N, C-alpha and C. Protein backbone atom coordinates (compact mmCIF):
# COMPACT_ATOMS: atom_id res chain seq x y z
N MET A 1 -115.07 121.76 100.68
CA MET A 1 -115.34 122.98 101.38
C MET A 1 -116.18 122.69 102.61
N ASP A 2 -115.83 123.29 103.71
CA ASP A 2 -116.53 123.12 104.96
C ASP A 2 -117.17 124.46 105.31
N PHE A 3 -118.50 124.53 105.38
CA PHE A 3 -119.18 125.78 105.70
C PHE A 3 -119.71 125.73 107.11
N VAL A 4 -119.46 126.77 107.87
CA VAL A 4 -119.90 126.87 109.24
C VAL A 4 -120.57 128.23 109.41
N THR A 5 -121.77 128.27 109.99
CA THR A 5 -122.40 129.54 110.29
C THR A 5 -122.46 129.69 111.78
N VAL A 6 -121.97 130.79 112.27
CA VAL A 6 -121.96 131.09 113.70
C VAL A 6 -122.97 132.19 113.92
N THR A 7 -123.94 131.98 114.81
CA THR A 7 -124.97 133.00 115.04
C THR A 7 -124.52 133.98 116.11
N GLY A 8 -125.21 135.09 116.18
CA GLY A 8 -124.92 136.12 117.17
C GLY A 8 -124.09 137.23 116.59
N ASP A 9 -124.53 138.46 116.81
CA ASP A 9 -123.82 139.65 116.32
C ASP A 9 -123.54 139.57 114.83
N GLN A 10 -124.42 138.93 114.09
CA GLN A 10 -124.27 138.77 112.65
C GLN A 10 -122.89 138.21 112.30
N MET A 11 -122.33 137.38 113.15
CA MET A 11 -121.01 136.79 112.92
C MET A 11 -121.19 135.56 112.04
N GLN A 12 -120.91 135.71 110.77
CA GLN A 12 -121.00 134.61 109.86
C GLN A 12 -119.57 134.21 109.49
N GLN A 13 -119.34 132.93 109.43
CA GLN A 13 -117.98 132.46 109.20
C GLN A 13 -118.03 131.24 108.32
N GLU A 14 -117.20 131.18 107.33
CA GLU A 14 -117.09 130.02 106.47
C GLU A 14 -115.62 129.65 106.35
N THR A 15 -115.34 128.37 106.50
CA THR A 15 -113.97 127.92 106.35
C THR A 15 -113.89 127.12 105.06
N THR A 16 -112.94 127.44 104.22
CA THR A 16 -112.74 126.71 102.98
C THR A 16 -111.32 126.15 103.00
N ASP A 17 -111.02 125.40 101.95
CA ASP A 17 -109.68 124.83 101.86
C ASP A 17 -108.61 125.92 101.76
N SER A 18 -108.97 127.07 101.21
CA SER A 18 -107.96 128.09 100.99
C SER A 18 -108.06 129.30 101.92
N ALA A 19 -109.24 129.65 102.34
CA ALA A 19 -109.39 130.86 103.15
C ALA A 19 -110.56 130.71 104.10
N MET A 20 -110.54 131.49 105.14
CA MET A 20 -111.70 131.59 106.03
C MET A 20 -112.41 132.89 105.69
N ILE A 21 -113.70 132.81 105.42
CA ILE A 21 -114.50 133.97 105.13
C ILE A 21 -115.36 134.22 106.36
N ARG A 22 -115.25 135.43 106.89
CA ARG A 22 -116.00 135.77 108.11
C ARG A 22 -116.46 137.21 108.04
N SER A 23 -117.37 137.54 108.93
CA SER A 23 -117.86 138.91 109.02
C SER A 23 -116.72 139.85 109.40
N TYR A 24 -116.81 141.04 108.87
CA TYR A 24 -115.89 142.11 109.23
C TYR A 24 -115.95 142.38 110.72
N ARG A 25 -114.81 142.67 111.29
CA ARG A 25 -114.70 143.12 112.69
C ARG A 25 -113.95 144.45 112.70
N PRO A 26 -114.19 145.30 113.68
CA PRO A 26 -113.51 146.60 113.70
C PRO A 26 -111.98 146.52 113.60
N ASP A 27 -111.38 145.46 114.12
CA ASP A 27 -109.93 145.35 114.02
C ASP A 27 -109.45 145.00 112.60
N ASP A 28 -110.38 144.79 111.65
CA ASP A 28 -110.05 144.56 110.25
C ASP A 28 -109.92 145.87 109.47
N GLN A 29 -110.24 147.00 110.10
CA GLN A 29 -110.32 148.28 109.39
C GLN A 29 -109.06 148.60 108.60
N LYS A 30 -107.91 148.45 109.20
CA LYS A 30 -106.65 148.78 108.52
C LYS A 30 -106.48 147.94 107.25
N ASP A 31 -106.72 146.64 107.35
CA ASP A 31 -106.55 145.75 106.19
C ASP A 31 -107.58 146.04 105.11
N VAL A 32 -108.82 146.29 105.50
CA VAL A 32 -109.87 146.61 104.53
C VAL A 32 -109.55 147.93 103.82
N SER A 33 -109.09 148.90 104.57
CA SER A 33 -108.69 150.18 103.97
C SER A 33 -107.55 149.99 102.98
N GLN A 34 -106.61 149.11 103.30
CA GLN A 34 -105.49 148.84 102.42
C GLN A 34 -105.97 148.17 101.12
N LEU A 35 -106.87 147.20 101.22
CA LEU A 35 -107.42 146.58 100.02
C LEU A 35 -108.14 147.60 99.15
N TYR A 36 -108.91 148.49 99.79
CA TYR A 36 -109.59 149.56 99.05
C TYR A 36 -108.57 150.44 98.34
N LEU A 37 -107.53 150.86 99.02
CA LEU A 37 -106.51 151.74 98.45
C LEU A 37 -105.80 151.05 97.28
N GLU A 38 -105.48 149.77 97.41
CA GLU A 38 -104.84 149.04 96.32
C GLU A 38 -105.75 149.00 95.10
N GLY A 39 -107.05 148.82 95.30
CA GLY A 39 -108.00 148.84 94.19
C GLY A 39 -108.06 150.20 93.54
N LEU A 40 -108.00 151.24 94.33
CA LEU A 40 -108.02 152.61 93.82
C LEU A 40 -106.77 152.88 92.99
N LEU A 41 -105.62 152.48 93.50
CA LEU A 41 -104.36 152.71 92.79
C LEU A 41 -104.27 151.88 91.51
N ALA A 42 -104.90 150.71 91.50
CA ALA A 42 -104.87 149.85 90.32
C ALA A 42 -105.91 150.27 89.28
N GLY A 43 -106.70 151.28 89.59
CA GLY A 43 -107.71 151.75 88.65
C GLY A 43 -108.98 150.92 88.65
N GLN A 44 -109.15 150.05 89.63
CA GLN A 44 -110.37 149.24 89.71
C GLN A 44 -111.52 150.04 90.31
N ILE A 45 -111.22 151.16 90.91
CA ILE A 45 -112.21 152.00 91.56
C ILE A 45 -112.21 153.35 90.85
N ALA A 46 -113.38 153.91 90.64
CA ALA A 46 -113.48 155.20 89.99
C ALA A 46 -112.75 156.26 90.79
N PRO A 47 -112.06 157.16 90.13
CA PRO A 47 -111.30 158.21 90.83
C PRO A 47 -112.18 159.07 91.75
N ASP A 48 -113.47 159.21 91.42
CA ASP A 48 -114.35 160.03 92.24
C ASP A 48 -115.03 159.25 93.38
N ASP A 49 -114.67 157.99 93.54
CA ASP A 49 -115.19 157.17 94.63
C ASP A 49 -114.58 157.68 95.93
N THR A 50 -115.42 158.16 96.83
CA THR A 50 -114.91 158.78 98.07
C THR A 50 -114.48 157.76 99.09
N GLY A 51 -114.97 156.53 98.99
CA GLY A 51 -114.65 155.53 99.99
C GLY A 51 -115.32 155.78 101.33
N ALA A 52 -116.40 156.56 101.33
CA ALA A 52 -117.09 156.89 102.57
C ALA A 52 -117.57 155.64 103.30
N ASP A 53 -117.98 154.63 102.54
CA ASP A 53 -118.43 153.39 103.19
C ASP A 53 -117.28 152.69 103.89
N ILE A 54 -116.08 152.76 103.32
CA ILE A 54 -114.92 152.13 103.92
C ILE A 54 -114.51 152.87 105.19
N GLU A 55 -114.71 154.17 105.20
CA GLU A 55 -114.40 154.95 106.40
C GLU A 55 -115.40 154.73 107.52
N ASN A 56 -116.60 154.30 107.18
CA ASN A 56 -117.63 154.09 108.19
C ASN A 56 -118.38 152.78 107.90
N ILE A 57 -117.68 151.68 108.02
CA ILE A 57 -118.23 150.37 107.69
C ILE A 57 -119.42 150.02 108.56
N ALA A 58 -119.39 150.33 109.84
CA ALA A 58 -120.50 149.99 110.73
C ALA A 58 -121.82 150.59 110.22
N GLU A 59 -121.79 151.84 109.84
CA GLU A 59 -123.01 152.48 109.34
C GLU A 59 -123.38 151.97 107.96
N ALA A 60 -122.41 151.80 107.09
CA ALA A 60 -122.68 151.42 105.71
C ALA A 60 -123.18 149.97 105.58
N TYR A 61 -122.62 149.06 106.37
CA TYR A 61 -122.91 147.64 106.16
C TYR A 61 -123.48 146.89 107.35
N PHE A 62 -123.59 147.54 108.50
CA PHE A 62 -124.11 146.83 109.68
C PHE A 62 -125.24 147.59 110.37
N SER A 63 -125.78 148.63 109.73
CA SER A 63 -126.88 149.37 110.35
C SER A 63 -128.22 148.69 110.09
N ASN A 64 -128.26 147.73 109.18
CA ASN A 64 -129.44 146.91 108.98
C ASN A 64 -128.98 145.49 108.62
N GLU A 65 -129.81 144.52 108.88
CA GLU A 65 -129.40 143.13 108.69
C GLU A 65 -129.29 142.71 107.23
N ARG A 66 -129.78 143.51 106.31
CA ARG A 66 -129.75 143.13 104.89
C ARG A 66 -128.46 143.53 104.20
N SER A 67 -127.64 144.35 104.86
CA SER A 67 -126.31 144.74 104.32
C SER A 67 -125.26 144.04 105.18
N HIS A 68 -124.09 143.85 104.59
CA HIS A 68 -123.04 143.12 105.31
C HIS A 68 -121.69 143.28 104.61
N LEU A 69 -120.62 143.06 105.34
CA LEU A 69 -119.27 143.04 104.75
C LEU A 69 -118.50 141.87 105.36
N TRP A 70 -117.82 141.12 104.50
CA TRP A 70 -117.02 139.97 104.91
C TRP A 70 -115.58 140.19 104.52
N VAL A 71 -114.70 139.49 105.21
CA VAL A 71 -113.30 139.45 104.82
C VAL A 71 -112.89 137.99 104.65
N ALA A 72 -111.92 137.77 103.78
CA ALA A 72 -111.31 136.45 103.61
C ALA A 72 -109.93 136.52 104.24
N THR A 73 -109.63 135.54 105.08
CA THR A 73 -108.32 135.54 105.73
C THR A 73 -107.61 134.22 105.51
N ILE A 74 -106.31 134.30 105.46
CA ILE A 74 -105.44 133.12 105.42
C ILE A 74 -104.38 133.35 106.48
N ASN A 75 -104.29 132.42 107.42
CA ASN A 75 -103.33 132.57 108.52
C ASN A 75 -103.44 133.92 109.21
N ASP A 76 -104.67 134.33 109.48
CA ASP A 76 -104.97 135.61 110.16
C ASP A 76 -104.58 136.85 109.34
N ARG A 77 -104.31 136.70 108.07
CA ARG A 77 -104.00 137.84 107.20
C ARG A 77 -105.20 138.07 106.29
N THR A 78 -105.70 139.29 106.24
CA THR A 78 -106.84 139.61 105.37
C THR A 78 -106.37 139.67 103.93
N VAL A 79 -106.97 138.82 103.09
CA VAL A 79 -106.57 138.74 101.70
C VAL A 79 -107.70 139.07 100.73
N GLY A 80 -108.89 139.35 101.26
CA GLY A 80 -110.01 139.69 100.39
C GLY A 80 -111.17 140.25 101.18
N MET A 81 -112.10 140.86 100.44
CA MET A 81 -113.31 141.39 101.05
C MET A 81 -114.43 141.48 100.03
N ILE A 82 -115.64 141.55 100.52
CA ILE A 82 -116.82 141.75 99.69
C ILE A 82 -117.92 142.32 100.60
N ALA A 83 -118.80 143.12 100.00
CA ALA A 83 -119.91 143.69 100.76
C ALA A 83 -121.20 143.56 99.97
N VAL A 84 -122.30 143.55 100.70
CA VAL A 84 -123.63 143.63 100.12
C VAL A 84 -124.29 144.87 100.69
N ALA A 85 -124.80 145.72 99.82
CA ALA A 85 -125.51 146.94 100.25
C ALA A 85 -126.94 146.88 99.75
N GLN A 86 -127.86 147.23 100.62
CA GLN A 86 -129.27 147.25 100.27
C GLN A 86 -129.55 148.37 99.29
N GLU A 87 -130.25 148.06 98.22
CA GLU A 87 -130.67 149.05 97.23
C GLU A 87 -132.18 149.21 97.36
N PRO A 88 -132.78 150.18 96.69
CA PRO A 88 -134.23 150.35 96.76
C PRO A 88 -134.97 149.09 96.31
N GLY A 89 -136.11 148.86 96.91
CA GLY A 89 -136.91 147.69 96.58
C GLY A 89 -136.30 146.42 97.11
N HIS A 90 -136.35 145.39 96.31
CA HIS A 90 -135.81 144.09 96.73
C HIS A 90 -134.47 143.81 96.06
N ALA A 91 -133.67 144.86 95.87
CA ALA A 91 -132.39 144.71 95.18
C ALA A 91 -131.22 144.91 96.14
N ALA A 92 -130.12 144.24 95.81
CA ALA A 92 -128.88 144.39 96.57
C ALA A 92 -127.76 144.69 95.57
N GLU A 93 -126.74 145.37 96.05
CA GLU A 93 -125.56 145.61 95.23
C GLU A 93 -124.37 144.92 95.88
N ILE A 94 -123.65 144.15 95.09
CA ILE A 94 -122.39 143.59 95.57
C ILE A 94 -121.34 144.67 95.35
N ARG A 95 -120.64 144.98 96.43
CA ARG A 95 -119.67 146.07 96.39
C ARG A 95 -118.34 145.60 96.97
N ARG A 96 -117.32 146.34 96.64
CA ARG A 96 -116.01 146.23 97.30
C ARG A 96 -115.38 144.85 97.21
N LEU A 97 -115.65 144.13 96.13
CA LEU A 97 -114.98 142.84 95.96
C LEU A 97 -113.51 143.11 95.62
N ARG A 98 -112.65 142.70 96.52
CA ARG A 98 -111.20 142.88 96.34
C ARG A 98 -110.50 141.64 96.85
N VAL A 99 -109.49 141.21 96.11
CA VAL A 99 -108.65 140.11 96.53
C VAL A 99 -107.20 140.56 96.35
N ASP A 100 -106.41 140.34 97.37
CA ASP A 100 -104.98 140.67 97.34
C ASP A 100 -104.37 140.08 96.07
N ARG A 101 -103.53 140.87 95.41
CA ARG A 101 -102.91 140.46 94.15
C ARG A 101 -102.28 139.07 94.23
N ALA A 102 -101.66 138.74 95.35
CA ALA A 102 -100.99 137.43 95.50
C ALA A 102 -101.96 136.27 95.50
N TYR A 103 -103.26 136.54 95.69
CA TYR A 103 -104.26 135.47 95.77
C TYR A 103 -105.31 135.54 94.67
N GLN A 104 -105.08 136.35 93.66
CA GLN A 104 -106.10 136.52 92.63
C GLN A 104 -106.24 135.30 91.73
N ALA A 105 -105.28 134.41 91.71
CA ALA A 105 -105.38 133.21 90.89
C ALA A 105 -106.02 132.05 91.67
N THR A 106 -106.57 132.34 92.84
CA THR A 106 -107.20 131.31 93.67
C THR A 106 -108.72 131.40 93.55
N SER A 107 -109.41 130.58 94.31
CA SER A 107 -110.88 130.59 94.30
C SER A 107 -111.47 131.56 95.30
N ILE A 108 -110.66 132.41 95.91
CA ILE A 108 -111.16 133.30 96.95
C ILE A 108 -112.26 134.23 96.45
N ALA A 109 -112.11 134.82 95.28
CA ALA A 109 -113.14 135.71 94.75
C ALA A 109 -114.47 134.98 94.60
N ALA A 110 -114.44 133.77 94.06
CA ALA A 110 -115.66 132.99 93.89
C ALA A 110 -116.28 132.65 95.25
N GLU A 111 -115.45 132.34 96.22
CA GLU A 111 -115.95 132.02 97.56
C GLU A 111 -116.60 133.24 98.20
N LEU A 112 -116.03 134.41 98.00
CA LEU A 112 -116.62 135.64 98.52
C LEU A 112 -117.96 135.92 97.85
N VAL A 113 -118.01 135.77 96.53
CA VAL A 113 -119.26 135.99 95.79
C VAL A 113 -120.32 135.01 96.28
N GLU A 114 -119.96 133.74 96.44
CA GLU A 114 -120.91 132.75 96.92
C GLU A 114 -121.46 133.13 98.29
N THR A 115 -120.61 133.61 99.18
CA THR A 115 -121.03 134.06 100.51
C THR A 115 -122.02 135.21 100.40
N ALA A 116 -121.71 136.19 99.55
CA ALA A 116 -122.60 137.34 99.38
C ALA A 116 -123.95 136.93 98.79
N LEU A 117 -123.92 136.03 97.81
CA LEU A 117 -125.19 135.59 97.20
C LEU A 117 -126.04 134.79 98.18
N ARG A 118 -125.41 133.99 98.99
CA ARG A 118 -126.15 133.26 100.02
C ARG A 118 -126.84 134.23 100.96
N HIS A 119 -126.13 135.27 101.35
CA HIS A 119 -126.71 136.32 102.21
C HIS A 119 -127.91 136.98 101.51
N CYS A 120 -127.76 137.28 100.24
CA CYS A 120 -128.86 137.91 99.49
C CYS A 120 -130.09 137.01 99.43
N GLN A 121 -129.88 135.72 99.20
CA GLN A 121 -131.01 134.79 99.17
C GLN A 121 -131.66 134.68 100.54
N THR A 122 -130.86 134.57 101.59
CA THR A 122 -131.38 134.46 102.95
C THR A 122 -132.21 135.69 103.33
N HIS A 123 -131.82 136.84 102.84
CA HIS A 123 -132.51 138.08 103.22
C HIS A 123 -133.55 138.53 102.21
N GLY A 124 -133.95 137.65 101.31
CA GLY A 124 -135.08 137.89 100.44
C GLY A 124 -134.89 138.85 99.29
N TYR A 125 -133.65 139.09 98.92
CA TYR A 125 -133.43 139.94 97.75
C TYR A 125 -133.88 139.21 96.50
N LEU A 126 -134.44 139.95 95.54
CA LEU A 126 -134.87 139.37 94.28
C LEU A 126 -133.89 139.63 93.15
N LYS A 127 -133.10 140.67 93.28
CA LYS A 127 -132.17 141.05 92.24
C LYS A 127 -130.86 141.50 92.89
N VAL A 128 -129.74 141.14 92.25
CA VAL A 128 -128.42 141.55 92.73
C VAL A 128 -127.70 142.21 91.56
N VAL A 129 -127.10 143.36 91.81
CA VAL A 129 -126.36 144.08 90.77
C VAL A 129 -124.91 144.27 91.22
N PHE A 130 -124.04 144.44 90.25
CA PHE A 130 -122.66 144.83 90.53
C PHE A 130 -122.08 145.46 89.28
N ASP A 131 -121.04 146.25 89.45
CA ASP A 131 -120.35 146.80 88.30
C ASP A 131 -118.84 146.71 88.55
N THR A 132 -118.11 146.75 87.44
CA THR A 132 -116.65 146.67 87.53
C THR A 132 -116.05 147.51 86.41
N ARG A 133 -114.91 148.08 86.70
CA ARG A 133 -114.18 148.89 85.72
C ARG A 133 -113.12 148.01 85.06
N ILE A 134 -113.10 148.02 83.72
CA ILE A 134 -112.19 147.18 82.96
C ILE A 134 -111.45 148.03 81.94
N ASP A 135 -110.17 147.78 81.82
CA ASP A 135 -109.35 148.44 80.82
C ASP A 135 -109.73 147.83 79.46
N PRO A 136 -110.23 148.63 78.51
CA PRO A 136 -110.65 148.08 77.23
C PRO A 136 -109.51 147.45 76.42
N GLN A 137 -108.28 147.87 76.70
CA GLN A 137 -107.13 147.30 75.99
C GLN A 137 -106.82 145.88 76.43
N SER A 138 -107.12 145.56 77.68
CA SER A 138 -106.78 144.21 78.19
C SER A 138 -107.96 143.25 78.12
N GLY A 139 -109.15 143.74 77.82
CA GLY A 139 -110.31 142.86 77.72
C GLY A 139 -110.86 142.48 79.08
N PRO A 140 -111.89 141.61 79.09
CA PRO A 140 -112.53 141.22 80.34
C PRO A 140 -111.53 140.61 81.31
N ASP A 141 -111.72 140.93 82.57
CA ASP A 141 -110.81 140.38 83.56
C ASP A 141 -111.43 139.15 84.22
N ALA A 142 -110.65 138.52 85.08
CA ALA A 142 -111.08 137.28 85.71
C ALA A 142 -112.33 137.44 86.54
N ILE A 143 -112.57 138.63 87.09
CA ILE A 143 -113.75 138.81 87.94
C ILE A 143 -115.03 138.67 87.14
N VAL A 144 -115.01 139.09 85.87
CA VAL A 144 -116.20 138.93 85.02
C VAL A 144 -116.50 137.43 84.84
N GLU A 145 -115.48 136.63 84.69
CA GLU A 145 -115.66 135.19 84.56
C GLU A 145 -116.26 134.61 85.82
N VAL A 146 -115.86 135.10 86.99
CA VAL A 146 -116.43 134.62 88.25
C VAL A 146 -117.93 134.90 88.27
N PHE A 147 -118.33 136.13 87.95
CA PHE A 147 -119.75 136.48 87.98
C PHE A 147 -120.53 135.75 86.90
N ASP A 148 -119.91 135.48 85.76
CA ASP A 148 -120.55 134.68 84.72
C ASP A 148 -120.91 133.29 85.24
N ARG A 149 -120.01 132.69 86.00
CA ARG A 149 -120.25 131.36 86.56
C ARG A 149 -121.47 131.33 87.47
N PHE A 150 -121.76 132.44 88.11
CA PHE A 150 -122.91 132.51 89.01
C PHE A 150 -124.19 132.94 88.29
N GLY A 151 -124.11 133.14 86.98
CA GLY A 151 -125.31 133.44 86.19
C GLY A 151 -125.63 134.91 86.02
N PHE A 152 -124.72 135.79 86.37
CA PHE A 152 -124.97 137.22 86.18
C PHE A 152 -125.05 137.54 84.68
N GLN A 153 -125.90 138.50 84.34
CA GLN A 153 -126.08 138.95 82.96
C GLN A 153 -125.50 140.35 82.81
N HIS A 154 -124.82 140.57 81.69
CA HIS A 154 -124.26 141.89 81.39
C HIS A 154 -125.39 142.78 80.91
N THR A 155 -125.56 143.96 81.53
CA THR A 155 -126.65 144.86 81.13
C THR A 155 -126.18 145.98 80.22
N ARG A 156 -125.04 146.56 80.53
CA ARG A 156 -124.52 147.63 79.68
C ARG A 156 -123.08 147.95 80.01
N THR A 157 -122.47 148.66 79.07
CA THR A 157 -121.09 149.13 79.23
C THR A 157 -121.10 150.64 78.99
N LYS A 158 -120.46 151.35 79.89
CA LYS A 158 -120.33 152.81 79.73
C LYS A 158 -118.84 153.15 79.66
N ALA A 159 -118.49 154.00 78.71
CA ALA A 159 -117.11 154.44 78.59
C ALA A 159 -116.83 155.53 79.62
N THR A 160 -115.68 155.40 80.27
CA THR A 160 -115.22 156.45 81.19
C THR A 160 -113.88 156.95 80.64
N ALA A 161 -113.23 157.81 81.37
CA ALA A 161 -111.99 158.43 80.87
C ALA A 161 -110.95 157.40 80.45
N ASP A 162 -110.70 156.39 81.28
CA ASP A 162 -109.65 155.44 80.97
C ASP A 162 -110.08 153.98 81.02
N LYS A 163 -111.28 153.73 81.49
CA LYS A 163 -111.77 152.35 81.64
C LYS A 163 -113.20 152.28 81.12
N GLU A 164 -113.69 151.07 81.01
CA GLU A 164 -115.10 150.87 80.70
C GLU A 164 -115.78 150.37 81.97
N LEU A 165 -116.96 150.90 82.25
CA LEU A 165 -117.75 150.46 83.39
C LEU A 165 -118.75 149.42 82.88
N HIS A 166 -118.60 148.19 83.34
CA HIS A 166 -119.50 147.10 82.94
C HIS A 166 -120.47 146.85 84.07
N GLU A 167 -121.76 146.82 83.75
CA GLU A 167 -122.80 146.60 84.76
C GLU A 167 -123.44 145.23 84.53
N PHE A 168 -123.71 144.53 85.63
CA PHE A 168 -124.25 143.18 85.60
C PHE A 168 -125.38 143.05 86.60
N TYR A 169 -126.26 142.06 86.38
CA TYR A 169 -127.32 141.78 87.35
C TYR A 169 -127.60 140.29 87.38
N LEU A 170 -128.23 139.86 88.45
CA LEU A 170 -128.67 138.48 88.63
C LEU A 170 -130.06 138.51 89.22
N ASP A 171 -131.01 137.84 88.58
CA ASP A 171 -132.37 137.73 89.12
C ASP A 171 -132.42 136.52 90.03
N LEU A 172 -132.45 136.74 91.33
CA LEU A 172 -132.51 135.64 92.28
C LEU A 172 -133.86 134.96 92.29
N TYR A 173 -134.93 135.70 91.97
CA TYR A 173 -136.25 135.08 91.99
C TYR A 173 -136.38 133.98 90.95
N ARG A 174 -135.61 134.04 89.90
CA ARG A 174 -135.63 132.98 88.87
C ARG A 174 -134.87 131.74 89.33
N GLN A 175 -134.01 131.90 90.32
CA GLN A 175 -133.21 130.78 90.81
C GLN A 175 -133.88 130.06 91.95
N ARG A 176 -134.96 130.62 92.46
CA ARG A 176 -135.63 130.00 93.59
C ARG A 176 -136.45 128.82 93.07
N GLY A 177 -136.48 127.77 93.84
CA GLY A 177 -137.22 126.57 93.44
C GLY A 177 -138.70 126.74 93.63
N PRO A 178 -139.50 125.78 93.11
CA PRO A 178 -140.95 125.86 93.21
C PRO A 178 -141.44 125.92 94.66
N GLU A 179 -140.69 125.29 95.58
CA GLU A 179 -141.10 125.30 96.98
C GLU A 179 -141.08 126.71 97.55
N ALA A 180 -140.20 127.57 97.03
CA ALA A 180 -140.13 128.94 97.53
C ALA A 180 -141.33 129.75 97.05
N ASP A 181 -141.87 129.39 95.88
CA ASP A 181 -143.02 130.12 95.34
C ASP A 181 -144.33 129.78 96.03
N SER A 182 -144.40 128.63 96.70
CA SER A 182 -145.64 128.21 97.32
C SER A 182 -145.85 128.81 98.68
N SER A 183 -144.89 129.54 99.21
CA SER A 183 -145.06 130.12 100.56
C SER A 183 -145.70 131.47 100.52
């Protein structure tokens, strides 16, 4: 994996063997909206989710430096996305993790999560949370395995009409080395 960070206008870009992960740009809006819609239709998003953040990405994810949205592209085609939203205190929420169905068996989801976690560490977050909706009949999906690999802990499960909402968290302050504590 080859990681490249480009400064200026919060333009972060990472090139991997399979996809390029970069900051969202306004010309990505159509593709990001499509990924959101596919998640909604697949039942990965709660029916009452308004998608207001997707309709106004600049305000939701670029109005402060601690929030952000990235896309994963292959051959200039958007195949994934992930966002970090600032929560109260020193917490962040990973949101809108979506990977095109044709690429779900690849490492793109893990690469997106790694990018988001790096952002959280760089911006001093102490805790990261995320939730996902899972069909109880099919059991845990691959995305839970991705977050498990990064050390996320399952906090609770809530039953909804047709899916279970699983909530997870990661304490970043426990992952910081002793050198970070001495500053």
